[in-house]
């Protein structure tokens, strides 16, 4: 006995598609659309699916569709249109509506092309400006994404922080690791090194999205420029003393650098720092110079 869903699917495969047929899909925010051209002869009886529609095959025709959203779907295979991700509605539009939809979509495509060309022109102009910018005359130029050139230029830029010794390494292709003790905050150093970052990690799709800037193209780039700041015993003592004075903390045995280094202050809590004294010291250290 054939299930209700199978009957619906079979009926859908039989639905005739003509110029003007209204279809809809949730894919890529396309939404409602109208078929405005059909390539080839339709063979709906040959369309079949496997695994609940994960794999579809058959059909012969291809369909050009214009959407209310101002987008085109061109040469969509018959098997896809008659699959689980599209619906063929019992509605047919006239030639005037098709003409208006196509005109709107074409104008939107033309506008996007103009915007793309404008962005490319601005990008090229900024590249040209950077190559001759006096404020960056101390940096080496080159189109390099391995992190090697970025590391070299980062070393030069970090010289602005007088008296601080930085370690700048390019341990792997596309990565730059910067570390130092005391000195400027991570926020200040990151303002320098993050300009060399050429994209971001898209955790939703588990991929790295490249987005190279004009600065990257001229002075080098890296996927992962990272910073790590460590603290001397003297700075940790200073942070502890600052907290003791700020919150008027009364300890029989004052917290020590050794206790902080061993992580022994995480359980030391007061009303003013619920996440432990260890966390509060880290916060203060992060803001100190």
C-alpha atoms as a PDB file:
ATOM      1  CA  UNK A   1       0.000   0.000   0.000  1.00  0.00           C
ATOM      2  CA  UNK A   2       1.413   3.422  -0.977  1.00  0.00           C
ATOM      3  CA  UNK A   3       1.788   5.967   1.848  1.00  0.00           C
ATOM      4  CA  UNK A   4       0.161   9.409   1.750  1.00  0.00           C
ATOM      5  CA  UNK A   5       3.557  11.135   1.360  1.00  0.00           C
ATOM      6  CA  UNK A   6       4.395   8.861  -1.577  1.00  0.00           C
ATOM      7  CA  UNK A   7       1.073   9.729  -3.222  1.00  0.00           C
ATOM      8  CA  UNK A   8       1.752  13.452  -2.746  1.00  0.00           C
ATOM      9  CA  UNK A   9       5.235  13.069  -4.198  1.00  0.00           C
ATOM     10  CA  UNK A  10       3.928  11.102  -7.160  1.00  0.00           C
ATOM     11  CA  UNK A  11       1.264  13.720  -7.838  1.00  0.00           C
ATOM     12  CA  UNK A  12       3.876  16.467  -7.621  1.00  0.00           C
ATOM     13  CA  UNK A  13       6.027  14.702 -10.189  1.00  0.00           C
ATOM     14  CA  UNK A  14       3.062  14.623 -12.549  1.00  0.00           C
ATOM     15  CA  UNK A  15       2.254  18.333 -12.166  1.00  0.00           C
ATOM     16  CA  UNK A  16       2.730  19.976 -15.541  1.00  0.00           C
ATOM     17  CA  UNK A  17       5.146  22.904 -15.645  1.00  0.00           C
ATOM     18  CA  UNK A  18       4.549  25.671 -18.180  1.00  0.00           C
ATOM     19  CA  UNK A  19       5.964  29.126 -18.759  1.00  0.00           C
ATOM     20  CA  UNK A  20       4.306  31.133 -15.987  1.00  0.00           C
ATOM     21  CA  UNK A  21       4.130  28.252 -13.467  1.00  0.00           C
ATOM     22  CA  UNK A  22       4.665  29.498  -9.917  1.00  0.00           C
ATOM     23  CA  UNK A  23       7.173  27.587  -7.787  1.00  0.00           C
ATOM     24  CA  UNK A  24       8.672  28.140  -4.348  1.00  0.00           C
ATOM     25  CA  UNK A  25      11.660  27.028  -2.280  1.00  0.00           C
ATOM     26  CA  UNK A  26      13.328  27.822   1.047  1.00  0.00           C
ATOM     27  CA  UNK A  27      16.794  27.421  -0.455  1.00  0.00           C
ATOM     28  CA  UNK A  28      19.150  30.450  -0.398  1.00  0.00           C
ATOM     29  CA  UNK A  29      16.260  32.776   0.553  1.00  0.00           C
ATOM     30  CA  UNK A  30      14.923  32.494  -3.006  1.00  0.00           C
ATOM     31  CA  UNK A  31      11.264  32.077  -2.051  1.00  0.00           C
ATOM     32  CA  UNK A  32       8.485  32.395  -4.635  1.00  0.00           C
ATOM     33  CA  UNK A  33       9.432  32.309  -8.304  1.00  0.00           C
ATOM     34  CA  UNK A  34       7.961  32.051 -11.789  1.00  0.00           C
ATOM     35  CA  UNK A  35       9.183  29.829 -14.628  1.00  0.00           C
ATOM     36  CA  UNK A  36       9.975  32.053 -17.611  1.00  0.00           C
ATOM     37  CA  UNK A  37      11.755  29.618 -19.929  1.00  0.00           C
ATOM     38  CA  UNK A  38      11.908  25.829 -20.341  1.00  0.00           C
ATOM     39  CA  UNK A  39      14.850  24.047 -21.986  1.00  0.00           C
ATOM     40  CA  UNK A  40      14.158  20.611 -23.465  1.00  0.00           C
ATOM     41  CA  UNK A  41      11.246  18.226 -23.159  1.00  0.00           C
ATOM     42  CA  UNK A  42       9.887  17.349 -19.736  1.00  0.00           C
ATOM     43  CA  UNK A  43       9.883  13.736 -18.554  1.00  0.00           C
ATOM     44  CA  UNK A  44       8.298  13.870 -15.087  1.00  0.00           C
ATOM     45  CA  UNK A  45       7.556  10.128 -15.062  1.00  0.00           C
ATOM     46  CA  UNK A  46      11.301   9.386 -14.897  1.00  0.00           C
ATOM     47  CA  UNK A  47      11.984  11.477 -11.781  1.00  0.00           C
ATOM     48  CA  UNK A  48      12.833   9.373  -8.722  1.00  0.00           C
ATOM     49  CA  UNK A  49      14.401   9.940  -5.317  1.00  0.00           C
ATOM     50  CA  UNK A  50      16.407   7.904  -2.815  1.00  0.00           C
ATOM     51  CA  UNK A  51      16.735   8.374   0.937  1.00  0.00           C
ATOM     52  CA  UNK A  52      13.732  10.628   1.369  1.00  0.00           C
ATOM     53  CA  UNK A  53      14.838  12.960  -1.393  1.00  0.00           C
ATOM     54  CA  UNK A  54      18.534  13.248  -0.479  1.00  0.00           C
ATOM     55  CA  UNK A  55      19.400  11.920  -3.941  1.00  0.00           C
ATOM     56  CA  UNK A  56      17.214  12.706  -6.958  1.00  0.00           C
ATOM     57  CA  UNK A  57      17.542  11.642 -10.558  1.00  0.00           C
ATOM     58  CA  UNK A  58      15.655  11.505 -13.812  1.00  0.00           C
ATOM     59  CA  UNK A  59      13.843  14.181 -15.742  1.00  0.00           C
ATOM     60  CA  UNK A  60      15.123  15.827 -18.882  1.00  0.00           C
ATOM     61  CA  UNK A  61      14.133  19.503 -18.989  1.00  0.00           C
ATOM     62  CA  UNK A  62      15.812  22.522 -17.360  1.00  0.00           C
ATOM     63  CA  UNK A  63      13.976  25.592 -16.085  1.00  0.00           C
ATOM     64  CA  UNK A  64      14.805  29.292 -15.883  1.00  0.00           C
ATOM     65  CA  UNK A  65      13.054  30.876 -12.901  1.00  0.00           C
ATOM     66  CA  UNK A  66      12.804  34.499 -11.767  1.00  0.00           C
ATOM     67  CA  UNK A  67      12.028  35.127  -8.099  1.00  0.00           C
ATOM     68  CA  UNK A  68      10.121  37.836  -6.264  1.00  0.00           C
ATOM     69  CA  UNK A  69      13.343  38.369  -4.290  1.00  0.00           C
ATOM     70  CA  UNK A  70      15.003  39.671  -7.446  1.00  0.00           C
ATOM     71  CA  UNK A  71      17.156  36.612  -8.070  1.00  0.00           C
ATOM     72  CA  UNK A  72      17.384  34.173 -10.961  1.00  0.00           C
ATOM     73  CA  UNK A  73      17.610  30.382 -10.903  1.00  0.00           C
ATOM     74  CA  UNK A  74      18.842  29.374 -14.333  1.00  0.00           C
ATOM     75  CA  UNK A  75      18.763  25.941 -15.953  1.00  0.00           C
ATOM     76  CA  UNK A  76      17.426  24.250 -12.816  1.00  0.00           C
ATOM     77  CA  UNK A  77      17.239  20.483 -13.545  1.00  0.00           C
ATOM     78  CA  UNK A  78      13.796  18.922 -13.684  1.00  0.00           C
ATOM     79  CA  UNK A  79      14.728  16.373 -11.020  1.00  0.00           C
ATOM     80  CA  UNK A  80      15.569  19.195  -8.593  1.00  0.00           C
ATOM     81  CA  UNK A  81      12.426  21.208  -9.319  1.00  0.00           C
ATOM     82  CA  UNK A  82      10.314  18.109  -8.726  1.00  0.00           C
ATOM     83  CA  UNK A  83      12.322  17.142  -5.614  1.00  0.00           C
ATOM     84  CA  UNK A  84      11.697  17.705  -1.914  1.00  0.00           C
ATOM     85  CA  UNK A  85      13.191  21.208  -1.715  1.00  0.00           C
ATOM     86  CA  UNK A  86      10.911  22.825  -4.292  1.00  0.00           C
ATOM     87  CA  UNK A  87       7.135  23.083  -4.613  1.00  0.00           C
ATOM     88  CA  UNK A  88       5.172  23.565  -7.834  1.00  0.00           C
ATOM     89  CA  UNK A  89       2.057  25.585  -7.027  1.00  0.00           C
ATOM     90  CA  UNK A  90      -1.292  25.439  -8.764  1.00  0.00           C
ATOM     91  CA  UNK A  91      -0.862  28.974 -10.102  1.00  0.00           C
ATOM     92  CA  UNK A  92       0.206  30.451 -13.438  1.00  0.00           C
ATOM     93  CA  UNK A  93       1.341  34.046 -14.009  1.00  0.00           C
ATOM     94  CA  UNK A  94       0.755  36.025 -17.177  1.00  0.00           C
ATOM     95  CA  UNK A  95       3.385  37.510 -19.497  1.00  0.00           C
ATOM     96  CA  UNK A  96       3.155  40.971 -17.926  1.00  0.00           C
ATOM     97  CA  UNK A  97       4.085  39.737 -14.454  1.00  0.00           C
ATOM     98  CA  UNK A  98       6.931  37.652 -15.888  1.00  0.00           C
ATOM     99  CA  UNK A  99       8.227  40.703 -17.752  1.00  0.00           C
ATOM    100  CA  UNK A 100       8.081  42.887 -14.619  1.00  0.00           C
ATOM    101  CA  UNK A 101       9.808  40.247 -12.464  1.00  0.00           C
ATOM    102  CA  UNK A 102      12.596  39.797 -15.009  1.00  0.00           C
ATOM    103  CA  UNK A 103      13.079  43.558 -15.343  1.00  0.00           C
ATOM    104  CA  UNK A 104      13.355  43.914 -11.560  1.00  0.00           C
ATOM    105  CA  UNK A 105      15.818  41.017 -11.259  1.00  0.00           C
ATOM    106  CA  UNK A 106      17.952  42.327 -14.118  1.00  0.00           C
ATOM    107  CA  UNK A 107      18.101  45.778 -12.515  1.00  0.00           C
ATOM    108  CA  UNK A 108      19.140  44.253  -9.186  1.00  0.00           C
ATOM    109  CA  UNK A 109      21.846  42.202 -10.930  1.00  0.00           C
ATOM    110  CA  UNK A 110      23.091  45.333 -12.696  1.00  0.00           C
ATOM    111  CA  UNK A 111      23.126  47.228  -9.405  1.00  0.00           C
ATOM    112  CA  UNK A 112      25.116  44.462  -7.698  1.00  0.00           C
ATOM    113  CA  UNK A 113      27.584  44.482 -10.580  1.00  0.00           C
ATOM    114  CA  UNK A 114      28.005  48.247 -10.260  1.00  0.00           C
ATOM    115  CA  UNK A 115      28.558  47.917  -6.518  1.00  0.00           C
ATOM    116  CA  UNK A 116      31.099  45.148  -7.108  1.00  0.00           C
ATOM    117  CA  UNK A 117      32.991  47.267  -9.634  1.00  0.00           C
ATOM    118  CA  UNK A 118      32.923  50.274  -7.292  1.00  0.00           C
ATOM    119  CA  UNK A 119      34.288  48.147  -4.441  1.00  0.00           C
ATOM    120  CA  UNK A 120      37.038  46.787  -6.671  1.00  0.00           C
ATOM    121  CA  UNK A 121      37.972  50.305  -7.773  1.00  0.00           C
ATOM    122  CA  UNK A 122      38.135  51.522  -4.154  1.00  0.00           C
ATOM    123  CA  UNK A 123      40.200  48.461  -3.198  1.00  0.00           C
ATOM    124  CA  UNK A 124      42.684  49.126  -6.009  1.00  0.00           C
ATOM    125  CA  UNK A 125      42.881  52.822  -5.122  1.00  0.00           C
ATOM    126  CA  UNK A 126      43.636  52.004  -1.479  1.00  0.00           C
ATOM    127  CA  UNK A 127      46.334  49.519  -2.535  1.00  0.00           C
ATOM    128  CA  UNK A 128      47.956  52.240  -4.631  1.00  0.00           C
ATOM    129  CA  UNK A 129      47.750  54.724  -1.747  1.00  0.00           C
ATOM    130  CA  UNK A 130      49.289  52.315   0.767  1.00  0.00           C
ATOM    131  CA  UNK A 131      52.216  51.566  -1.516  1.00  0.00           C
ATOM    132  CA  UNK A 132      53.222  55.227  -1.323  1.00  0.00           C
ATOM    133  CA  UNK A 133      51.977  56.095   2.173  1.00  0.00           C
ATOM    134  CA  UNK A 134      54.792  57.758   4.176  1.00  0.00           C
ATOM    135  CA  UNK A 135      53.482  56.390   7.483  1.00  0.00           C
ATOM    136  CA  UNK A 136      54.225  52.853   6.254  1.00  0.00           C
ATOM    137  CA  UNK A 137      57.535  53.566   4.539  1.00  0.00           C
ATOM    138  CA  UNK A 138      59.348  51.493   7.205  1.00  0.00           C
ATOM    139  CA  UNK A 139      57.431  48.337   6.206  1.00  0.00           C
ATOM    140  CA  UNK A 140      58.414  45.839   3.538  1.00  0.00           C
ATOM    141  CA  UNK A 141      55.952  45.328   0.687  1.00  0.00           C
ATOM    142  CA  UNK A 142      54.826  42.138  -1.034  1.00  0.00           C
ATOM    143  CA  UNK A 143      51.780  39.942  -1.650  1.00  0.00           C
ATOM    144  CA  UNK A 144      52.460  37.135   0.849  1.00  0.00           C
ATOM    145  CA  UNK A 145      49.876  35.132   2.828  1.00  0.00           C
ATOM    146  CA  UNK A 146      52.237  32.637   4.477  1.00  0.00           C
ATOM    147  CA  UNK A 147      52.758  34.890   7.494  1.00  0.00           C
ATOM    148  CA  UNK A 148      56.475  35.306   6.770  1.00  0.00           C
ATOM    149  CA  UNK A 149      56.227  38.899   5.515  1.00  0.00           C
ATOM    150  CA  UNK A 150      53.564  39.710   8.113  1.00  0.00           C
ATOM    151  CA  UNK A 151      55.899  38.540  10.897  1.00  0.00           C
ATOM    152  CA  UNK A 152      58.722  40.691   9.527  1.00  0.00           C
ATOM    153  CA  UNK A 153      56.529  43.786   9.388  1.00  0.00           C
ATOM    154  CA  UNK A 154      54.965  43.119  12.782  1.00  0.00           C
ATOM    155  CA  UNK A 155      58.469  43.089  14.316  1.00  0.00           C
ATOM    156  CA  UNK A 156      59.085  46.505  12.785  1.00  0.00           C
ATOM    157  CA  UNK A 157      55.767  47.925  13.985  1.00  0.00           C
ATOM    158  CA  UNK A 158      56.202  46.665  17.538  1.00  0.00           C
ATOM    159  CA  UNK A 159      59.355  48.754  17.928  1.00  0.00           C
ATOM    160  CA  UNK A 160      56.988  51.598  18.826  1.00  0.00           C
ATOM    161  CA  UNK A 161      56.729  50.010  22.288  1.00  0.00           C
ATOM    162  CA  UNK A 162      60.084  51.149  23.618  1.00  0.00           C
ATOM    163  CA  UNK A 163      61.959  48.891  25.996  1.00  0.00           C
ATOM    164  CA  UNK A 164      59.759  45.833  25.440  1.00  0.00           C
ATOM    165  CA  UNK A 165      61.228  42.641  24.021  1.00  0.00           C
ATOM    166  CA  UNK A 166      58.812  40.820  21.711  1.00  0.00           C
ATOM    167  CA  UNK A 167      59.069  37.326  20.312  1.00  0.00           C
ATOM    168  CA  UNK A 168      57.516  37.226  16.831  1.00  0.00           C
ATOM    169  CA  UNK A 169      57.476  33.807  15.182  1.00  0.00           C
ATOM    170  CA  UNK A 170      56.040  32.289  12.011  1.00  0.00           C
ATOM    171  CA  UNK A 171      55.846  28.658  13.236  1.00  0.00           C
ATOM    172  CA  UNK A 172      53.482  27.387  10.552  1.00  0.00           C
ATOM    173  CA  UNK A 173      52.195  28.523   7.189  1.00  0.00           C
ATOM    174  CA  UNK A 174      49.611  31.246   7.737  1.00  0.00           C
ATOM    175  CA  UNK A 175      50.305  31.804  11.435  1.00  0.00           C
ATOM    176  CA  UNK A 176      52.173  34.451  13.442  1.00  0.00           C
ATOM    177  CA  UNK A 177      52.692  34.136  17.209  1.00  0.00           C
ATOM    178  CA  UNK A 178      53.597  37.245  19.215  1.00  0.00           C
ATOM    179  CA  UNK A 179      54.582  36.987  22.883  1.00  0.00           C
ATOM    180  CA  UNK A 180      56.071  39.390  25.441  1.00  0.00           C
ATOM    181  CA  UNK A 181      56.303  40.049  29.165  1.00  0.00           C
ATOM    182  CA  UNK A 182      54.651  42.995  30.938  1.00  0.00           C
ATOM    183  CA  UNK A 183      54.764  46.035  28.621  1.00  0.00           C
ATOM    184  CA  UNK A 184      51.696  47.130  26.604  1.00  0.00           C
ATOM    185  CA  UNK A 185      48.280  45.514  26.971  1.00  0.00           C
ATOM    186  CA  UNK A 186      47.065  42.808  24.576  1.00  0.00           C
ATOM    187  CA  UNK A 187      44.537  45.310  23.273  1.00  0.00           C
ATOM    188  CA  UNK A 188      47.290  47.673  22.107  1.00  0.00           C
ATOM    189  CA  UNK A 189      49.381  44.918  20.517  1.00  0.00           C
ATOM    190  CA  UNK A 190      46.338  43.332  18.877  1.00  0.00           C
ATOM    191  CA  UNK A 191      45.553  46.686  17.252  1.00  0.00           C
ATOM    192  CA  UNK A 192      48.832  46.226  15.382  1.00  0.00           C
ATOM    193  CA  UNK A 193      48.841  42.531  14.556  1.00  0.00           C
ATOM    194  CA  UNK A 194      45.156  42.035  13.710  1.00  0.00           C
ATOM    195  CA  UNK A 195      45.555  44.251  10.648  1.00  0.00           C
ATOM    196  CA  UNK A 196      47.531  41.388   9.135  1.00  0.00           C
ATOM    197  CA  UNK A 197      44.662  38.930   9.575  1.00  0.00           C
ATOM    198  CA  UNK A 198      43.209  37.951   6.193  1.00  0.00           C
ATOM    199  CA  UNK A 199      39.869  36.449   7.184  1.00  0.00           C
ATOM    200  CA  UNK A 200      37.921  34.797   9.963  1.00  0.00           C
ATOM    201  CA  UNK A 201      36.812  31.338  11.047  1.00  0.00           C
ATOM    202  CA  UNK A 202      33.124  30.623  10.398  1.00  0.00           C
ATOM    203  CA  UNK A 203      32.271  28.211  13.222  1.00  0.00           C
ATOM    204  CA  UNK A 204      28.729  27.641  11.914  1.00  0.00           C
ATOM    205  CA  UNK A 205      30.056  26.173   8.650  1.00  0.00           C
ATOM    206  CA  UNK A 206      33.420  25.038  10.082  1.00  0.00           C
ATOM    207  CA  UNK A 207      35.459  26.838   7.422  1.00  0.00           C
ATOM    208  CA  UNK A 208      37.909  29.741   7.237  1.00  0.00           C
ATOM    209  CA  UNK A 209      36.507  32.631   5.211  1.00  0.00           C
ATOM    210  CA  UNK A 210      39.214  34.655   3.468  1.00  0.00           C
ATOM    211  CA  UNK A 211      38.701  38.414   3.348  1.00  0.00           C
ATOM    212  CA  UNK A 212      41.917  40.074   2.246  1.00  0.00           C
ATOM    213  CA  UNK A 213      42.215  43.817   2.773  1.00  0.00           C
ATOM    214  CA  UNK A 214      44.306  46.288   0.763  1.00  0.00           C
ATOM    215  CA  UNK A 215      46.709  46.377   3.730  1.00  0.00           C
ATOM    216  CA  UNK A 216      47.117  42.577   3.502  1.00  0.00           C
ATOM    217  CA  UNK A 217      47.860  42.736  -0.192  1.00  0.00           C
ATOM    218  CA  UNK A 218      50.601  45.321   0.260  1.00  0.00           C
ATOM    219  CA  UNK A 219      52.228  44.336   3.560  1.00  0.00           C
ATOM    220  CA  UNK A 220      51.491  40.617   3.937  1.00  0.00           C
ATOM    221  CA  UNK A 221      48.932  38.587   5.842  1.00  0.00           C
ATOM    222  CA  UNK A 222      48.283  35.525   7.997  1.00  0.00           C
ATOM    223  CA  UNK A 223      45.253  33.452   8.861  1.00  0.00           C
ATOM    224  CA  UNK A 224      46.078  33.299  12.547  1.00  0.00           C
ATOM    225  CA  UNK A 225      48.032  36.216  14.058  1.00  0.00           C
ATOM    226  CA  UNK A 226      47.906  35.582  17.823  1.00  0.00           C
ATOM    227  CA  UNK A 227      49.219  37.399  20.876  1.00  0.00           C
ATOM    228  CA  UNK A 228      50.229  36.119  24.307  1.00  0.00           C
ATOM    229  CA  UNK A 229      51.302  38.350  27.167  1.00  0.00           C
ATOM    230  CA  UNK A 230      52.991  36.992  30.285  1.00  0.00           C
ATOM    231  CA  UNK A 231      53.643  38.783  33.590  1.00  0.00           C
ATOM    232  CA  UNK A 232      56.705  39.153  35.774  1.00  0.00           C
ATOM    233  CA  UNK A 233      56.578  38.485  39.512  1.00  0.00           C
ATOM    234  CA  UNK A 234      56.926  42.224  40.064  1.00  0.00           C
ATOM    235  CA  UNK A 235      53.800  42.977  38.013  1.00  0.00           C
ATOM    236  CA  UNK A 236      51.805  40.222  39.746  1.00  0.00           C
ATOM    237  CA  UNK A 237      52.827  41.673  43.127  1.00  0.00           C
ATOM    238  CA  UNK A 238      51.721  45.090  41.915  1.00  0.00           C
ATOM    239  CA  UNK A 239      48.325  43.740  40.842  1.00  0.00           C
ATOM    240  CA  UNK A 240      47.801  41.988  44.180  1.00  0.00           C
ATOM    241  CA  UNK A 241      48.755  45.152  46.084  1.00  0.00           C
ATOM    242  CA  UNK A 242      46.343  47.191  43.943  1.00  0.00           C
ATOM    243  CA  UNK A 243      43.459  44.829  44.741  1.00  0.00           C
ATOM    244  CA  UNK A 244      44.280  44.722  48.447  1.00  0.00           C
ATOM    245  CA  UNK A 245      44.150  48.532  48.597  1.00  0.00           C
ATOM    246  CA  UNK A 246      41.160  49.007  46.281  1.00  0.00           C
ATOM    247  CA  UNK A 247      38.883  46.590  48.119  1.00  0.00           C
ATOM    248  CA  UNK A 248      40.428  46.993  51.571  1.00  0.00           C
ATOM    249  CA  UNK A 249      40.982  43.239  51.792  1.00  0.00           C
ATOM    250  CA  UNK A 250      41.976  41.923  55.188  1.00  0.00           C
ATOM    251  CA  UNK A 251      43.929  38.658  55.092  1.00  0.00           C
ATOM    252  CA  UNK A 252      45.732  37.019  57.973  1.00  0.00           C
ATOM    253  CA  UNK A 253      48.144  35.715  55.338  1.00  0.00           C
ATOM    254  CA  UNK A 254      48.147  37.978  52.245  1.00  0.00           C
ATOM    255  CA  UNK A 255      47.959  36.248  48.838  1.00  0.00           C
ATOM    256  CA  UNK A 256      51.343  35.622  47.257  1.00  0.00           C
ATOM    257  CA  UNK A 257      52.784  35.437  43.751  1.00  0.00           C
ATOM    258  CA  UNK A 258      53.548  31.752  44.340  1.00  0.00           C
ATOM    259  CA  UNK A 259      49.892  31.069  45.171  1.00  0.00           C
ATOM    260  CA  UNK A 260      48.824  32.896  42.017  1.00  0.00           C
ATOM    261  CA  UNK A 261      51.316  30.960  39.868  1.00  0.00           C
ATOM    262  CA  UNK A 262      50.051  27.634  41.219  1.00  0.00           C
ATOM    263  CA  UNK A 263      46.393  28.565  40.672  1.00  0.00           C
ATOM    264  CA  UNK A 264      45.685  28.433  44.378  1.00  0.00           C
ATOM    265  CA  UNK A 265      43.620  31.628  44.442  1.00  0.00           C
ATOM    266  CA  UNK A 266      40.697  30.435  42.309  1.00  0.00           C
ATOM    267  CA  UNK A 267      38.819  29.272  45.422  1.00  0.00           C
ATOM    268  CA  UNK A 268      39.541  32.488  47.310  1.00  0.00           C
ATOM    269  CA  UNK A 269      36.242  34.347  46.910  1.00  0.00           C
ATOM    270  CA  UNK A 270      34.795  37.545  48.342  1.00  0.00           C
ATOM    271  CA  UNK A 271      31.571  39.437  47.686  1.00  0.00           C
ATOM    272  CA  UNK A 272      33.457  41.768  45.364  1.00  0.00           C
ATOM    273  CA  UNK A 273      34.849  38.999  43.119  1.00  0.00           C
ATOM    274  CA  UNK A 274      32.586  35.976  42.869  1.00  0.00           C
ATOM    275  CA  UNK A 275      34.820  34.152  40.365  1.00  0.00           C
ATOM    276  CA  UNK A 276      37.759  34.041  42.745  1.00  0.00           C
ATOM    277  CA  UNK A 277      40.756  36.237  43.511  1.00  0.00           C
ATOM    278  CA  UNK A 278      42.762  34.474  40.793  1.00  0.00           C
ATOM    279  CA  UNK A 279      40.320  35.692  38.125  1.00  0.00           C
ATOM    280  CA  UNK A 280      40.330  39.240  39.526  1.00  0.00           C
ATOM    281  CA  UNK A 281      44.126  39.375  39.461  1.00  0.00           C
ATOM    282  CA  UNK A 282      44.118  38.243  35.814  1.00  0.00           C
ATOM    283  CA  UNK A 283      41.631  41.035  35.038  1.00  0.00           C
ATOM    284  CA  UNK A 284      43.779  43.677  36.715  1.00  0.00           C
ATOM    285  CA  UNK A 285      46.941  42.393  35.020  1.00  0.00           C
ATOM    286  CA  UNK A 286      45.237  42.583  31.637  1.00  0.00           C
ATOM    287  CA  UNK A 287      44.598  46.308  32.129  1.00  0.00           C
ATOM    288  CA  UNK A 288      47.996  47.207  33.630  1.00  0.00           C
ATOM    289  CA  UNK A 289      51.058  48.494  31.772  1.00  0.00           C
END
